[in-house]
Amino acid sequence: MLNRRYLRIKVMQGLYALEHSRNANYLLSLDLIEKQFDTRFSQLAEDEKQVGWIFEKNHQRKPENIQIGKKLPEKVRQLALDILDAYWNSDEQEALQEQKFAPLLQQVRASYKEDNDALTEEKKNIMAVFKEVYEQEQPTIDVDASDVSKKTLVKAIDIYHNKLQEDVKNLEARLLQQSRIIYTNYLIGLIWVTEIAELVNLEKAAKASSLLKAPIFEGDYKMGQNVVCQTLKNSDALKLAKEQRKIDDAVLRTTVRELYKKVIKEDEEYINYQKLGQNNAEDDKKIVNHILKNIIFKHEITNSYFEELDLSWSENRKVVQSMAVKTIKAIMGDTEEEDGDAEETEITINKNFELSPLSKNWDEDVVFYKNLYNFNVEGNQRYEDIIAKKTKNWDIERLALIDKVILKMAICEMINFYSIPVKVTINEYIELAKTYSTPKSKKFVNGLLDSIAQDLIEQGDIKKSGRGLMDNK
């Protein structure tokens, strides 16, 4: 079952991914500016060559016979006409020819060098302004540049924000999807248990119909009558959940057949279970728990399947296993708590058991989940500024990225979640730092959050309702 710490971890992972997206989008926008200016630099070089080509083509013609394309840039046309005119009016045409018209072409090069230098300076200014304002949604821009360069700047800023908005939405959807996948994997684990029992029954039926008419030993097919498996198989709740999640039995069977043949039939616990006498509910429960914990949720065959569905399977496996084991307990009622010999105790199987919920109150948890994520996205710059003021002697860019994410989340929670005590928030994020960051991070995050919390309380930025909610000690 999911708890608030798990939800914080998922939001932390999402925000960490978003930080990388911010950086990627920033580099993407810079790359756009680079490419736009590279195109213009290339065009200048091409225009310079074009002037030389026009001169070479027309310098021996009479002025009235020259042909210069009307679609060429105005500067190309004008420069070409200027050096042609200079050549035709020169008293030193032979000398110019001997020098391969170098003095005339040098004028062209000088003119385009000025343009190139001006464009280089313009690019520098556009880059500087972009780096200064790109995170602002509607920045006030003051830059001395051509209209083309201004359009490039606006386009780069738009690309950054459009991509960021897309990433924010996609990550939020992915976070919720990851949680829902946990429930799907829980259902798959239970379904596989029923499929294993079905495979045993199919083996028994195949042997019974064999022409060899070999004797059938009931003990060899004990799993087929396992009371836990049968209860799961006949569960309307499980059938409905499977239909709602559109879980394909055919796909699952391919994996479970391989698991049954290669792993379960060779498993020592399973072999010993088959050797026991008549089915006993306690033994049935034990073997199902063993298969769930040590095979279905542990073996590489099934892990490969789960990992394809869930990128965080290694992290979520324990949650799924816990939900499945609680379901088996629900089927068995309070059997575990009874005193005395299990064989002498009348066991009542709960055929109307309820499936484990994803959390105690999933609707409330989704609201917490979304708010924590979106409040962090919306207040990102504010929380970063708060951290920066407290780390004046330490460049905020040098903080470990995960530490920065954890600190911003804690500040966000203290400010926006009125019913969560400050102390609880600080302790939760200290634990995240302890688990997911560097060895020194726990102490660093603790000290910084204590100081920030005190400042926010004094400034009236933290508003809590209820006794003890403001105390961060």
Protein backbone atom coordinates (compact mmCIF):
# COMPACT_ATOMS: atom_id res chain seq x y z
CA MET A 1 0.00 0.00 0.00
CA LEU A 2 1.29 3.42 -0.92
CA ASN A 3 1.97 6.04 1.75
CA ARG A 4 2.82 9.75 1.64
CA ARG A 5 6.55 9.11 1.74
CA TYR A 6 6.27 7.00 -1.38
CA LEU A 7 4.32 9.82 -3.05
CA ARG A 8 7.01 12.33 -2.05
CA ILE A 9 9.65 10.05 -3.56
CA LYS A 10 7.73 9.85 -6.83
CA VAL A 11 7.29 13.63 -6.96
CA MET A 12 10.99 14.06 -6.15
CA GLN A 13 11.91 11.77 -9.04
CA GLY A 14 9.58 13.68 -11.35
CA LEU A 15 11.00 17.06 -10.35
CA TYR A 16 14.54 15.72 -10.69
CA ALA A 17 13.69 14.61 -14.23
CA LEU A 18 12.12 18.03 -14.85
CA GLU A 19 15.36 19.76 -13.82
CA HIS A 20 17.15 17.76 -16.48
CA SER A 21 14.40 18.72 -18.93
CA ARG A 22 14.90 22.40 -18.09
CA ASN A 23 18.56 22.08 -18.89
CA ALA A 24 17.87 20.14 -22.08
CA ASN A 25 15.32 22.73 -23.23
CA TYR A 26 17.76 25.54 -22.40
CA LEU A 27 20.44 23.89 -24.55
CA LEU A 28 17.87 23.27 -27.29
CA SER A 29 17.02 26.99 -27.39
CA LEU A 30 20.69 27.96 -27.42
CA ASP A 31 21.19 25.53 -30.27
CA LEU A 32 18.37 27.22 -32.18
CA ILE A 33 20.04 30.62 -31.78
CA GLU A 34 23.37 29.13 -32.88
CA LYS A 35 21.84 27.57 -35.98
CA GLN A 36 19.90 30.69 -36.91
CA PHE A 37 23.04 32.81 -36.73
CA ASP A 38 25.13 30.14 -38.47
CA THR A 39 22.69 30.32 -41.37
CA ARG A 40 23.11 34.08 -41.51
CA PHE A 41 26.91 33.85 -41.34
CA SER A 42 26.82 31.31 -44.15
CA GLN A 43 24.59 33.62 -46.16
CA LEU A 44 27.10 36.48 -45.74
CA ALA A 45 29.88 34.24 -47.03
CA GLU A 46 27.67 33.14 -49.93
CA ASP A 47 26.75 36.76 -50.75
CA GLU A 48 30.41 37.72 -50.83
CA LYS A 49 31.12 34.93 -53.32
CA GLN A 50 28.09 35.99 -55.36
CA VAL A 51 29.45 39.53 -55.76
CA GLY A 52 32.74 38.14 -57.04
CA TRP A 53 30.94 35.78 -59.42
CA ILE A 54 28.80 38.63 -60.86
CA PHE A 55 31.89 40.79 -61.35
CA GLU A 56 33.76 37.98 -63.10
CA LYS A 57 30.79 37.28 -65.38
CA ASN A 58 30.11 40.91 -66.34
CA HIS A 59 33.34 42.94 -66.18
CA GLN A 60 34.11 42.46 -69.88
CA ARG A 61 30.61 43.38 -71.00
CA LYS A 62 29.31 46.83 -71.77
CA PRO A 63 27.46 48.42 -68.89
CA GLU A 64 24.19 48.35 -70.79
CA ASN A 65 24.49 44.58 -71.34
CA ILE A 66 25.10 43.39 -67.77
CA GLN A 67 22.60 41.06 -66.12
CA ILE A 68 22.14 40.94 -62.34
CA GLY A 69 19.32 38.84 -60.93
CA LYS A 70 16.55 40.97 -59.43
CA LYS A 71 15.94 38.40 -56.67
CA LEU A 72 19.46 38.78 -55.30
CA PRO A 73 19.89 40.67 -52.00
CA GLU A 74 20.08 44.41 -52.51
CA LYS A 75 23.57 44.62 -51.04
CA VAL A 76 24.87 41.97 -53.45
CA ARG A 77 23.44 43.86 -56.42
CA GLN A 78 24.76 47.20 -55.20
CA LEU A 79 28.27 45.99 -54.38
CA ALA A 80 28.52 44.22 -57.71
CA LEU A 81 27.47 47.37 -59.55
CA ASP A 82 29.91 49.47 -57.50
CA ILE A 83 33.01 47.39 -58.29
CA LEU A 84 31.95 46.97 -61.92
CA ASP A 85 31.59 50.73 -62.14
CA ALA A 86 34.97 51.20 -60.43
CA TYR A 87 36.60 48.85 -62.93
CA TRP A 88 35.00 50.42 -66.00
CA ASN A 89 35.99 53.92 -64.86
CA SER A 90 39.53 52.94 -63.85
CA ASP A 91 42.56 54.11 -65.83
CA GLU A 92 44.44 51.02 -64.60
CA GLN A 93 42.34 48.18 -65.95
CA GLU A 94 45.39 46.23 -67.12
CA ALA A 95 47.04 46.53 -63.71
CA LEU A 96 43.82 45.38 -62.06
CA GLN A 97 43.67 42.40 -64.41
CA GLU A 98 47.25 41.47 -63.54
CA GLN A 99 46.36 41.61 -59.85
CA LYS A 100 43.28 39.48 -60.57
CA PHE A 101 41.10 42.40 -59.45
CA ALA A 102 42.38 42.06 -55.88
CA PRO A 103 41.93 45.74 -54.91
CA LEU A 104 38.29 45.69 -56.03
CA LEU A 105 37.50 42.38 -54.37
CA GLN A 106 39.21 43.59 -51.20
CA GLN A 107 36.53 46.28 -50.96
CA VAL A 108 33.92 43.53 -51.04
CA ARG A 109 35.73 41.53 -48.35
CA ALA A 110 36.07 44.62 -46.14
CA SER A 111 32.37 45.36 -46.47
CA TYR A 112 31.33 41.84 -45.55
CA LYS A 113 33.83 41.71 -42.69
CA GLU A 114 32.04 44.69 -41.18
CA ASP A 115 28.75 42.85 -41.57
CA ASN A 116 30.26 39.70 -40.06
CA ASP A 117 31.66 41.61 -37.08
CA ALA A 118 28.33 43.35 -36.54
CA LEU A 119 26.47 40.03 -36.71
CA THR A 120 28.94 38.47 -34.25
CA GLU A 121 28.26 41.28 -31.78
CA GLU A 122 24.52 40.95 -32.34
CA LYS A 123 24.69 37.21 -31.68
CA LYS A 124 26.61 37.87 -28.47
CA ASN A 125 23.92 40.32 -27.31
CA ILE A 126 21.06 37.97 -28.20
CA MET A 127 22.72 35.10 -26.33
CA ALA A 128 23.29 37.29 -23.26
CA VAL A 129 19.68 38.53 -23.22
CA PHE A 130 18.32 34.99 -23.68
CA LYS A 131 20.35 33.68 -20.74
CA GLU A 132 19.06 36.53 -18.61
CA VAL A 133 15.34 36.31 -19.42
CA TYR A 134 14.59 32.81 -20.77
CA GLU A 135 12.91 31.58 -17.57
CA GLN A 136 10.49 34.54 -17.51
CA GLU A 137 7.17 33.82 -19.22
CA GLN A 138 6.63 37.41 -20.44
CA PRO A 139 10.03 39.09 -20.23
CA THR A 140 10.61 42.78 -20.94
CA ILE A 141 13.35 42.75 -23.55
CA ASP A 142 15.69 45.65 -24.29
CA VAL A 143 18.26 44.75 -26.89
CA ASP A 144 19.89 46.61 -29.76
CA ALA A 145 19.45 44.16 -32.63
CA SER A 146 17.88 43.69 -36.05
CA ASP A 147 14.29 42.50 -36.40
CA VAL A 148 15.57 39.13 -37.62
CA SER A 149 17.66 38.69 -34.47
CA LYS A 150 14.78 39.76 -32.25
CA LYS A 151 12.55 37.16 -33.89
CA THR A 152 15.23 34.53 -33.24
CA LEU A 153 15.31 35.54 -29.57
CA VAL A 154 11.53 35.38 -29.22
CA LYS A 155 11.44 32.00 -30.97
CA ALA A 156 14.14 30.60 -28.64
CA ILE A 157 12.22 31.76 -25.55
CA ASP A 158 8.96 30.32 -26.92
CA ILE A 159 10.61 26.97 -27.65
CA TYR A 160 11.97 26.80 -24.10
CA HIS A 161 8.58 27.47 -22.49
CA ASN A 162 6.54 25.35 -24.90
CA LYS A 163 8.83 22.37 -24.40
CA LEU A 164 8.86 22.92 -20.64
CA GLN A 165 5.05 23.03 -20.45
CA GLU A 166 4.93 19.83 -22.48
CA ASP A 167 7.47 18.18 -20.15
CA VAL A 168 5.59 19.33 -17.04
CA LYS A 169 2.34 17.75 -18.30
CA ASN A 170 4.00 14.56 -19.50
CA LEU A 171 5.90 14.03 -16.24
CA GLU A 172 2.77 14.61 -14.14
CA ALA A 173 0.87 12.07 -16.24
CA ARG A 174 3.77 9.64 -16.04
CA LEU A 175 3.96 9.96 -12.25
CA LEU A 176 0.31 9.01 -11.88
CA GLN A 177 0.67 6.24 -14.45
CA GLN A 178 3.60 4.77 -12.51
CA SER A 179 1.41 4.51 -9.41
CA ARG A 180 -1.40 2.88 -11.36
CA ILE A 181 1.07 0.38 -12.85
CA ILE A 182 1.84 -0.73 -9.28
CA TYR A 183 -1.77 -1.85 -8.93
CA THR A 184 -1.70 -3.59 -12.30
CA ASN A 185 1.41 -5.52 -11.29
CA TYR A 186 -0.26 -6.49 -8.01
CA LEU A 187 -3.20 -7.94 -9.95
CA ILE A 188 -0.84 -9.76 -12.32
CA GLY A 189 0.87 -11.42 -9.35
CA LEU A 190 -2.47 -12.73 -8.08
CA ILE A 191 -3.55 -13.85 -11.55
CA TRP A 192 -0.29 -15.77 -12.00
CA VAL A 193 -1.01 -17.67 -8.79
CA THR A 194 -4.34 -18.81 -10.24
CA GLU A 195 -2.70 -19.66 -13.57
CA ILE A 196 -0.15 -21.90 -11.84
CA ALA A 197 -2.98 -23.88 -10.25
CA GLU A 198 -4.69 -24.10 -13.64
CA LEU A 199 -1.51 -25.44 -15.26
CA VAL A 200 -1.39 -28.18 -12.60
CA ASN A 201 -5.01 -29.13 -13.35
CA LEU A 202 -4.30 -29.19 -17.08
CA GLU A 203 -1.36 -31.54 -16.48
CA LYS A 204 -3.60 -33.82 -14.46
CA ALA A 205 -6.30 -33.80 -17.16
CA ALA A 206 -3.72 -34.54 -19.86
CA LYS A 207 -2.41 -37.52 -17.91
CA ALA A 208 -5.93 -38.83 -17.29
CA SER A 209 -6.70 -38.76 -21.01
CA SER A 210 -3.42 -40.40 -21.97
CA LEU A 211 -3.66 -43.75 -23.81
CA LEU A 212 -1.04 -45.17 -21.45
CA LYS A 213 -3.52 -44.99 -18.55
CA ALA A 214 -0.71 -44.54 -16.04
CA PRO A 215 -1.75 -44.22 -12.37
CA ILE A 216 -2.49 -40.68 -11.14
CA PHE A 217 -1.16 -39.68 -7.74
CA GLU A 218 -3.31 -36.90 -6.34
CA GLY A 219 -0.40 -35.54 -4.34
CA ASP A 220 1.43 -34.66 -7.54
CA TYR A 221 -1.38 -32.26 -8.47
CA LYS A 222 -2.16 -30.83 -5.04
CA MET A 223 -1.61 -27.22 -6.13
CA GLY A 224 -4.57 -27.49 -8.49
CA GLN A 225 -6.93 -27.69 -5.51
CA ASN A 226 -5.14 -25.07 -3.41
CA VAL A 227 -7.89 -23.22 -1.54
CA VAL A 228 -6.18 -19.83 -1.89
CA CYS A 229 -5.76 -20.27 -5.65
CA GLN A 230 -9.37 -21.38 -6.05
CA THR A 231 -10.66 -18.45 -4.00
CA LEU A 232 -8.67 -16.02 -6.13
CA LYS A 233 -9.82 -17.68 -9.34
CA ASN A 234 -13.50 -17.41 -8.34
CA SER A 235 -13.21 -13.85 -7.04
CA ASP A 236 -15.60 -11.46 -8.79
CA ALA A 237 -13.49 -8.53 -7.54
CA LEU A 238 -10.38 -9.90 -9.21
CA LYS A 239 -12.27 -10.66 -12.43
CA LEU A 240 -13.69 -7.12 -12.53
CA ALA A 241 -10.32 -5.51 -11.79
CA LYS A 242 -8.71 -7.60 -14.55
CA GLU A 243 -11.36 -6.45 -17.04
CA GLN A 244 -11.06 -2.79 -15.99
CA ARG A 245 -7.28 -2.89 -16.41
CA LYS A 246 -7.60 -4.83 -19.69
CA ILE A 247 -5.09 -7.43 -18.55
CA ASP A 248 -4.54 -10.02 -21.28
CA ASP A 249 -4.51 -13.57 -19.90
CA ALA A 250 -2.92 -14.94 -23.07
CA VAL A 251 0.14 -12.73 -22.67
CA LEU A 252 0.46 -13.67 -19.00
CA ARG A 253 0.22 -17.40 -19.71
CA THR A 254 3.33 -17.40 -21.89
CA THR A 255 5.41 -16.15 -18.98
CA VAL A 256 3.77 -18.28 -16.30
CA ARG A 257 4.20 -21.49 -18.34
CA GLU A 258 7.93 -20.84 -18.54
CA LEU A 259 8.03 -20.04 -14.83
CA TYR A 260 6.10 -23.18 -13.92
CA LYS A 261 8.20 -25.56 -16.03
CA LYS A 262 11.64 -24.11 -15.29
CA VAL A 263 11.31 -22.85 -11.74
CA ILE A 264 8.26 -23.90 -9.72
CA LYS A 265 8.33 -27.64 -10.55
CA GLU A 266 11.98 -27.71 -9.48
CA ASP A 267 11.46 -25.62 -6.34
CA GLU A 268 12.18 -27.50 -3.10
CA GLU A 269 9.36 -25.85 -1.13
CA TYR A 270 6.87 -26.71 -3.87
CA ILE A 271 8.06 -30.31 -4.10
CA ASN A 272 7.72 -30.69 -0.31
CA TYR A 273 4.22 -29.18 -0.43
CA GLN A 274 3.16 -31.73 -3.05
CA LYS A 275 4.33 -34.54 -0.77
CA LEU A 276 2.03 -33.46 2.07
CA GLY A 277 -1.25 -35.25 2.69
CA GLN A 278 -4.70 -33.85 2.11
CA ASN A 279 -4.94 -30.12 1.36
CA ASN A 280 -4.65 -28.00 4.47
CA ALA A 281 -5.58 -24.30 4.35
CA GLU A 282 -2.51 -23.26 6.34
CA ASP A 283 -0.18 -25.22 4.03
CA ASP A 284 -2.01 -23.79 1.02
CA LYS A 285 -1.44 -20.28 2.30
CA LYS A 286 2.24 -20.91 3.03
CA ILE A 287 3.02 -22.25 -0.46
CA VAL A 288 1.17 -19.38 -2.15
CA ASN A 289 3.08 -16.84 -0.05
CA HIS A 290 6.33 -18.63 -0.89
CA ILE A 291 5.59 -18.57 -4.62
CA LEU A 292 4.63 -14.89 -4.48
CA LYS A 293 7.58 -13.69 -2.38
CA ASN A 294 10.39 -15.90 -3.64
CA ILE A 295 9.42 -16.69 -7.21
CA ILE A 296 6.81 -14.42 -8.83
CA PHE A 297 8.18 -11.21 -7.34
CA LYS A 298 11.81 -12.28 -7.32
CA HIS A 299 12.76 -14.55 -10.23
CA GLU A 300 14.40 -13.07 -13.33
CA ILE A 301 11.74 -14.55 -15.65
CA THR A 302 8.92 -12.56 -14.05
CA ASN A 303 11.13 -9.60 -13.14
CA SER A 304 11.89 -9.12 -16.84
CA TYR A 305 8.16 -8.97 -17.52
CA PHE A 306 7.51 -6.49 -14.68
CA GLU A 307 10.45 -4.30 -15.67
CA GLU A 308 9.00 -3.84 -19.15
CA LEU A 309 5.79 -2.55 -17.60
CA ASP A 310 7.37 -0.51 -14.81
CA LEU A 311 10.66 1.38 -15.12
CA SER A 312 10.73 1.64 -11.31
CA TRP A 313 10.02 -2.04 -10.69
CA SER A 314 13.09 -2.58 -8.49
CA GLU A 315 11.77 0.17 -6.24
CA ASN A 316 8.08 -0.75 -6.43
CA ARG A 317 8.46 -4.53 -6.05
CA LYS A 318 8.22 -4.47 -2.25
CA VAL A 319 5.01 -2.42 -2.38
CA VAL A 320 3.42 -4.86 -4.84
CA GLN A 321 4.54 -7.87 -2.78
CA SER A 322 3.15 -6.35 0.41
CA MET A 323 -0.24 -5.77 -1.23
CA ALA A 324 -0.35 -9.36 -2.52
CA VAL A 325 0.56 -10.87 0.86
CA LYS A 326 -2.11 -8.77 2.60
CA THR A 327 -4.64 -10.11 0.12
CA ILE A 328 -3.73 -13.69 1.05
CA LYS A 329 -4.19 -12.76 4.72
CA ALA A 330 -7.61 -11.33 3.88
CA ILE A 331 -8.60 -14.59 2.21
CA MET A 332 -7.49 -16.58 5.29
CA GLY A 333 -9.28 -14.29 7.74
CA ASP A 334 -7.57 -14.13 11.15
CA THR A 335 -5.97 -17.58 10.89
CA GLU A 336 -2.51 -16.22 11.70
CA GLU A 337 -3.62 -14.92 15.06
CA GLU A 338 -5.27 -18.13 16.29
CA ASP A 339 -3.57 -20.11 19.04
CA GLY A 340 -2.98 -23.83 18.92
CA ASP A 341 -2.54 -26.37 16.15
CA ALA A 342 -3.74 -25.09 12.77
CA GLU A 343 -5.08 -28.55 11.89
CA GLU A 344 -7.35 -28.53 14.94
CA THR A 345 -8.65 -25.02 14.27
CA GLU A 346 -11.65 -24.56 12.05
CA ILE A 347 -10.61 -22.20 9.28
CA THR A 348 -13.19 -20.14 7.46
CA ILE A 349 -12.10 -19.00 4.04
CA ASN A 350 -13.23 -15.47 3.23
CA LYS A 351 -14.57 -15.87 -0.30
CA ASN A 352 -15.77 -12.27 -0.33
CA PHE A 353 -12.38 -10.82 0.49
CA GLU A 354 -11.52 -7.33 -0.75
CA LEU A 355 -8.52 -6.59 -2.94
CA SER A 356 -5.83 -4.46 -1.34
CA PRO A 357 -6.36 -0.76 -2.13
CA LEU A 358 -3.51 1.18 -3.69
CA SER A 359 -3.60 3.48 -0.65
CA LYS A 360 -5.90 4.20 2.27
CA ASN A 361 -7.51 7.10 0.39
CA TRP A 362 -6.32 7.22 -3.21
CA ASP A 363 -8.46 10.26 -4.12
CA GLU A 364 -6.87 12.34 -1.35
CA ASP A 365 -3.43 11.02 -2.23
CA VAL A 366 -3.87 12.01 -5.89
CA VAL A 367 -4.71 15.56 -4.78
CA PHE A 368 -1.61 15.63 -2.53
CA TYR A 369 0.47 14.16 -5.34
CA LYS A 370 -0.67 16.69 -7.95
CA ASN A 371 -0.49 19.67 -5.60
CA LEU A 372 3.00 18.85 -4.39
CA TYR A 373 4.19 18.49 -7.98
CA ASN A 374 2.40 21.55 -9.41
CA PHE A 375 3.15 23.87 -6.46
CA ASN A 376 6.82 23.00 -6.93
CA VAL A 377 6.67 23.71 -10.66
CA GLU A 378 4.86 27.01 -10.18
CA GLY A 379 7.04 28.23 -7.31
CA ASN A 380 10.34 26.87 -8.59
CA GLN A 381 12.11 30.23 -8.92
CA ARG A 382 10.80 31.50 -5.59
CA TYR A 383 12.05 28.43 -3.72
CA GLU A 384 15.38 28.60 -5.51
CA ASP A 385 15.77 32.25 -4.47
CA ILE A 386 15.03 31.32 -0.83
CA ILE A 387 17.79 28.69 -0.96
CA ALA A 388 20.19 31.11 -2.68
CA LYS A 389 19.77 33.71 0.09
CA LYS A 390 20.67 31.09 2.68
CA THR A 391 23.70 29.88 0.77
CA LYS A 392 25.34 33.21 -0.13
CA ASN A 393 28.81 31.83 0.41
CA TRP A 394 27.99 28.72 -1.59
CA ASP A 395 27.13 28.90 -5.27
CA ILE A 396 23.66 27.35 -5.61
CA GLU A 397 24.71 25.82 -8.91
CA ARG A 398 27.29 23.78 -6.99
CA LEU A 399 24.63 22.12 -4.84
CA ALA A 400 23.95 18.51 -5.75
CA LEU A 401 20.89 18.62 -8.01
CA ILE A 402 18.99 16.09 -5.89
CA ASP A 403 19.70 18.19 -2.77
CA LYS A 404 18.31 21.27 -4.51
CA VAL A 405 15.16 19.37 -5.50
CA ILE A 406 14.70 18.04 -1.95
CA LEU A 407 15.17 21.50 -0.41
CA LYS A 408 12.70 23.13 -2.81
CA MET A 409 10.13 20.41 -2.14
CA ALA A 410 10.45 20.89 1.62
CA ILE A 411 10.06 24.67 1.32
CA CYS A 412 7.05 24.18 -0.96
CA GLU A 413 5.41 21.78 1.50
CA MET A 414 6.01 24.04 4.49
CA ILE A 415 4.41 26.99 2.70
CA ASN A 416 1.51 25.34 0.88
CA PHE A 417 0.34 22.39 2.98
CA TYR A 418 -1.29 23.93 6.02
CA SER A 419 -2.18 20.69 7.84
CA ILE A 420 1.29 19.12 7.75
CA PRO A 421 3.47 20.07 10.74
CA VAL A 422 6.76 21.80 9.91
CA LYS A 423 8.65 19.19 11.92
CA VAL A 424 7.07 16.34 9.94
CA THR A 425 7.99 18.01 6.66
CA ILE A 426 11.60 18.57 7.69
CA ASN A 427 12.00 14.99 8.96
CA GLU A 428 10.49 13.54 5.78
CA TYR A 429 12.92 15.39 3.52
CA ILE A 430 15.89 14.63 5.77
CA GLU A 431 15.03 10.95 5.20
CA LEU A 432 14.88 11.50 1.44
CA ALA A 433 18.29 13.17 1.52
CA LYS A 434 19.65 10.32 3.63
CA THR A 435 18.38 7.70 1.14
CA TYR A 436 18.86 9.38 -2.22
CA SER A 437 21.72 11.86 -1.85
CA THR A 438 25.31 12.00 -0.58
CA PRO A 439 26.41 10.92 2.93
CA LYS A 440 26.82 14.57 4.02
CA SER A 441 23.46 15.69 2.64
CA LYS A 442 21.37 14.66 5.67
CA LYS A 443 23.17 17.08 8.00
CA PHE A 444 23.30 19.82 5.36
CA VAL A 445 19.58 19.57 4.51
CA ASN A 446 18.64 19.42 8.21
CA GLY A 447 20.56 22.57 9.13
CA LEU A 448 19.42 24.54 6.11
CA LEU A 449 15.74 23.60 6.45
CA ASP A 450 15.70 24.47 10.17
CA SER A 451 17.07 27.93 9.37
CA ILE A 452 14.77 28.48 6.38
CA ALA A 453 11.72 27.32 8.35
CA GLN A 454 12.46 29.83 11.12
CA ASP A 455 12.79 32.66 8.59
CA LEU A 456 9.55 31.70 6.83
CA ILE A 457 7.66 31.55 10.15
CA GLU A 458 8.95 35.00 11.16
CA GLN A 459 8.01 36.42 7.75
CA GLY A 460 4.51 34.95 7.98
CA ASP A 461 5.02 32.78 4.90
CA ILE A 462 4.16 29.60 6.80
CA LYS A 463 0.53 29.48 7.90
CA LYS A 464 -0.53 26.39 9.83
CA SER A 465 -3.82 25.58 11.50
CA GLY A 466 -3.61 23.40 14.61
CA ARG A 467 -1.54 22.95 17.75
CA GLY A 468 2.11 22.07 17.21
CA LEU A 469 2.05 22.51 13.43
CA MET A 470 4.47 25.45 13.47
CA ASP A 471 7.09 23.83 15.70
CA ASN A 472 10.16 22.74 13.75
CA LYS A 473 12.09 21.47 16.76
